[in-house]
N, C-alpha and C. Protein backbone atom coordinates (compact mmCIF):
# COMPACT_ATOMS: atom_id res chain seq x y z
N MET A 1 31.35 -7.09 17.25
CA MET A 1 31.19 -7.07 15.70
C MET A 1 29.28 -6.27 14.86
N ALA A 2 29.02 -5.84 14.75
CA ALA A 2 28.11 -5.44 14.36
C ALA A 2 26.92 -5.56 13.35
N ARG A 3 26.50 -6.14 13.42
CA ARG A 3 25.43 -6.69 12.38
C ARG A 3 24.74 -6.01 11.22
N ARG A 4 25.51 -6.36 10.31
CA ARG A 4 24.65 -5.96 9.12
C ARG A 4 23.54 -6.46 8.44
N SER A 5 22.20 -5.49 8.71
CA SER A 5 21.12 -5.67 7.76
C SER A 5 21.21 -6.92 6.59
N LYS A 6 20.25 -7.50 6.40
CA LYS A 6 20.40 -8.92 5.50
C LYS A 6 19.40 -7.93 4.29
N LEU A 7 19.01 -5.93 4.45
CA LEU A 7 17.49 -6.25 3.84
C LEU A 7 18.15 -5.59 2.10
N ARG A 8 17.78 -7.04 1.71
CA ARG A 8 18.21 -6.16 0.01
C ARG A 8 17.76 -4.98 -0.73
N VAL A 9 18.21 -4.68 -1.85
CA VAL A 9 17.77 -3.28 -2.82
C VAL A 9 16.07 -4.22 -3.27
N GLY A 10 16.51 -5.05 -3.74
CA GLY A 10 15.45 -5.09 -4.39
C GLY A 10 14.45 -5.60 -4.17
N PRO A 11 13.94 -5.70 -3.15
CA PRO A 11 12.43 -5.72 -2.56
C PRO A 11 12.55 -4.68 -1.63
N THR A 12 13.04 -3.75 -1.78
CA THR A 12 12.49 -2.09 -1.06
C THR A 12 12.07 -1.89 -2.65
N LEU A 13 13.20 -1.27 -3.12
CA LEU A 13 12.99 -0.61 -4.01
C LEU A 13 11.55 -1.05 -5.22
N ALA A 14 10.73 -2.82 -4.90
CA ALA A 14 9.91 -2.98 -5.32
C ALA A 14 8.32 -2.17 -4.53
N ILE A 15 8.77 -2.31 -3.17
CA ILE A 15 8.13 -1.96 -2.59
C ILE A 15 7.47 -0.39 -2.24
N GLY A 16 9.16 0.09 -3.01
CA GLY A 16 8.90 1.74 -3.04
C GLY A 16 7.88 1.87 -3.94
N VAL A 17 7.95 1.21 -5.26
CA VAL A 17 8.03 1.46 -6.57
C VAL A 17 6.44 0.98 -6.54
N LEU A 18 5.69 0.15 -5.70
CA LEU A 18 4.43 0.01 -6.02
C LEU A 18 3.68 0.82 -4.65
N THR A 19 4.57 1.70 -4.21
CA THR A 19 3.49 2.37 -2.62
C THR A 19 3.96 3.85 -3.52
N LEU A 20 4.75 4.17 -4.93
CA LEU A 20 3.87 5.40 -5.79
C LEU A 20 3.02 4.72 -6.05
N MET A 21 3.25 3.91 -6.95
CA MET A 21 2.16 3.80 -8.01
C MET A 21 0.75 3.91 -7.04
N LEU A 22 0.19 3.74 -6.05
CA LEU A 22 -0.71 3.44 -4.85
C LEU A 22 -1.18 4.82 -4.58
N CYS A 23 0.62 5.95 -4.64
CA CYS A 23 -0.34 7.24 -4.65
C CYS A 23 -0.64 7.69 -5.67
N LEU A 24 -0.47 7.50 -6.75
CA LEU A 24 -0.28 8.06 -7.58
C LEU A 24 -2.27 7.10 -8.33
N GLY A 25 -2.42 6.75 -7.42
CA GLY A 25 -3.53 6.20 -8.29
C GLY A 25 -4.74 6.78 -7.32
N ILE A 26 -4.89 6.86 -6.12
CA ILE A 26 -4.96 7.57 -5.10
C ILE A 26 -5.38 9.78 -5.49
N GLY A 27 -4.27 9.13 -6.19
CA GLY A 27 -4.15 11.08 -6.93
C GLY A 27 -4.96 11.17 -7.72
N LEU A 28 -4.56 10.15 -8.72
CA LEU A 28 -5.26 10.69 -10.00
C LEU A 28 -6.64 10.27 -9.89
N LEU A 29 -7.64 9.59 -9.12
CA LEU A 29 -8.69 9.21 -8.33
C LEU A 29 -9.22 10.74 -7.77
N TYR A 30 -8.63 11.15 -7.10
CA TYR A 30 -8.84 11.98 -6.03
C TYR A 30 -8.93 13.51 -7.49
N ILE A 31 -8.32 14.07 -8.36
CA ILE A 31 -8.60 15.03 -9.17
C ILE A 31 -9.49 14.47 -10.39
N GLY A 32 -9.56 13.39 -10.57
CA GLY A 32 -11.13 12.98 -11.48
C GLY A 32 -11.83 12.57 -11.39
N TRP A 33 -12.34 12.77 -9.99
CA TRP A 33 -13.66 12.63 -9.81
C TRP A 33 -14.21 13.53 -9.97
N HIS A 34 -15.35 12.91 -10.70
CA HIS A 34 -16.29 14.29 -10.91
C HIS A 34 -17.10 15.33 -10.26
N PRO A 35 -17.81 16.39 -10.04
CA PRO A 35 -18.41 16.46 -8.39
C PRO A 35 -19.61 16.56 -8.40
N ASP A 36 -19.61 16.16 -9.81
CA ASP A 36 -21.90 16.13 -9.73
C ASP A 36 -22.15 14.50 -10.30
N SER A 37 -20.71 13.53 -9.36
CA SER A 37 -20.88 12.63 -9.18
C SER A 37 -22.16 12.13 -7.99
N SER A 38 -22.60 11.03 -8.27
CA SER A 38 -23.77 10.56 -7.07
C SER A 38 -23.17 9.43 -6.13
N LEU A 39 -22.57 9.62 -5.56
CA LEU A 39 -22.24 8.80 -4.14
C LEU A 39 -22.58 9.10 -3.20
N SER A 40 -23.03 8.19 -2.41
CA SER A 40 -23.89 8.81 -1.07
C SER A 40 -22.45 8.06 -0.15
N LEU A 41 -22.97 9.07 0.81
CA LEU A 41 -21.91 8.93 2.44
C LEU A 41 -21.00 7.64 2.87
N THR A 42 -22.34 6.22 2.62
CA THR A 42 -22.41 5.45 2.31
C THR A 42 -20.84 4.97 1.33
N GLY A 43 -20.88 4.89 0.62
CA GLY A 43 -19.49 4.82 -0.89
C GLY A 43 -18.96 4.97 0.08
N PHE A 44 -18.65 6.23 0.21
CA PHE A 44 -17.40 7.04 0.57
C PHE A 44 -16.64 5.66 1.28
N ILE A 45 -17.93 5.70 2.56
CA ILE A 45 -17.16 4.75 3.60
C ILE A 45 -16.80 3.55 3.41
N ALA A 46 -17.43 2.98 2.16
CA ALA A 46 -17.08 1.80 1.84
C ALA A 46 -15.75 2.07 1.16
N MET A 47 -15.60 3.06 0.32
CA MET A 47 -14.72 2.58 -0.66
C MET A 47 -12.89 3.27 0.78
N THR A 48 -12.91 4.20 1.58
CA THR A 48 -12.73 3.94 2.52
C THR A 48 -12.32 2.53 3.19
N LEU A 49 -13.25 1.94 3.14
CA LEU A 49 -12.32 0.82 4.26
C LEU A 49 -12.25 -0.18 3.66
N GLY A 50 -12.38 -0.32 2.13
CA GLY A 50 -11.56 -1.22 1.23
C GLY A 50 -9.98 -1.08 0.72
N LEU A 51 -10.07 0.47 0.91
CA LEU A 51 -8.83 0.64 0.87
C LEU A 51 -8.37 0.52 1.85
N LEU A 52 -8.18 1.12 2.96
CA LEU A 52 -7.90 0.22 4.20
C LEU A 52 -7.68 -0.83 4.15
N ALA A 53 -8.81 -1.37 4.01
CA ALA A 53 -7.98 -3.03 4.24
C ALA A 53 -6.94 -3.58 3.03
N ALA A 54 -7.36 -3.03 1.97
CA ALA A 54 -5.85 -3.33 0.96
C ALA A 54 -4.95 -2.81 1.39
N ILE A 55 -4.66 -1.64 1.62
CA ILE A 55 -3.30 -1.63 2.31
C ILE A 55 -3.24 -2.05 3.40
N ILE A 56 -3.92 -2.58 4.67
CA ILE A 56 -3.27 -3.32 5.36
C ILE A 56 -2.66 -4.38 4.96
N LEU A 57 -3.46 -5.05 4.27
CA LEU A 57 -2.85 -6.52 4.01
C LEU A 57 -1.25 -6.64 3.33
N GLY A 58 -1.61 -5.56 2.12
CA GLY A 58 -0.22 -5.50 1.82
C GLY A 58 0.72 -4.98 2.47
N ILE A 59 0.68 -4.73 3.32
CA ILE A 59 1.64 -4.34 5.02
C ILE A 59 1.74 -5.68 5.62
N GLY A 60 1.21 -5.80 5.90
CA GLY A 60 1.37 -7.14 6.15
C GLY A 60 2.03 -8.58 5.70
N LEU A 61 1.46 -8.79 4.58
CA LEU A 61 2.37 -9.88 3.69
C LEU A 61 3.62 -9.63 4.15
N ALA A 62 3.71 -8.03 3.27
CA ALA A 62 5.13 -7.97 3.40
C ALA A 62 5.90 -7.77 4.48
N LEU A 63 5.30 -7.89 5.69
CA LEU A 63 5.43 -8.08 6.92
C LEU A 63 6.14 -9.42 6.92
N LEU A 64 5.15 -9.90 6.73
CA LEU A 64 5.20 -11.37 6.65
C LEU A 64 6.82 -12.18 5.85
N VAL A 65 6.86 -11.84 4.75
CA VAL A 65 7.46 -12.19 4.17
C VAL A 65 8.79 -11.68 4.26
N HIS A 66 9.49 -10.37 4.74
CA HIS A 66 10.20 -9.94 5.57
C HIS A 66 10.66 -10.53 6.92
N ARG A 67 10.06 -11.06 7.56
CA ARG A 67 9.74 -12.09 8.44
C ARG A 67 10.20 -13.60 8.58
N ASN A 68 9.64 -13.64 6.75
CA ASN A 68 10.12 -15.22 6.84
C ASN A 68 11.49 -15.17 6.35
N ARG A 69 12.27 -14.73 5.59
CA ARG A 69 13.56 -14.04 5.30
C ARG A 69 14.43 -14.38 6.24
N ARG A 70 13.93 -13.58 7.58
CA ARG A 70 14.86 -13.43 8.16
C ARG A 70 15.09 -14.42 9.67
N ASP A 71 14.29 -15.18 9.64
CA ASP A 71 14.19 -17.12 10.37
C ASP A 71 15.37 -17.23 9.82
N ASP A 72 15.08 -17.87 8.32
CA ASP A 72 16.57 -18.33 7.18
C ASP A 72 18.11 -18.26 8.36
């Protein structure tokens, strides 16, 4: 007999909503950015690294919570 997944709808929906909010924030940042602003290449690299670190941290924490629930 096949095992059914214990993944619940609530956490999946919450992760989906948070991902959507992140995508909307990035889109608004891109659209609302003023072309005459003076941000150097170092600033763009810092923003990119910060965003990637936040995404990786969020994914890592979500995976740890999911793994913890499966072990129970």
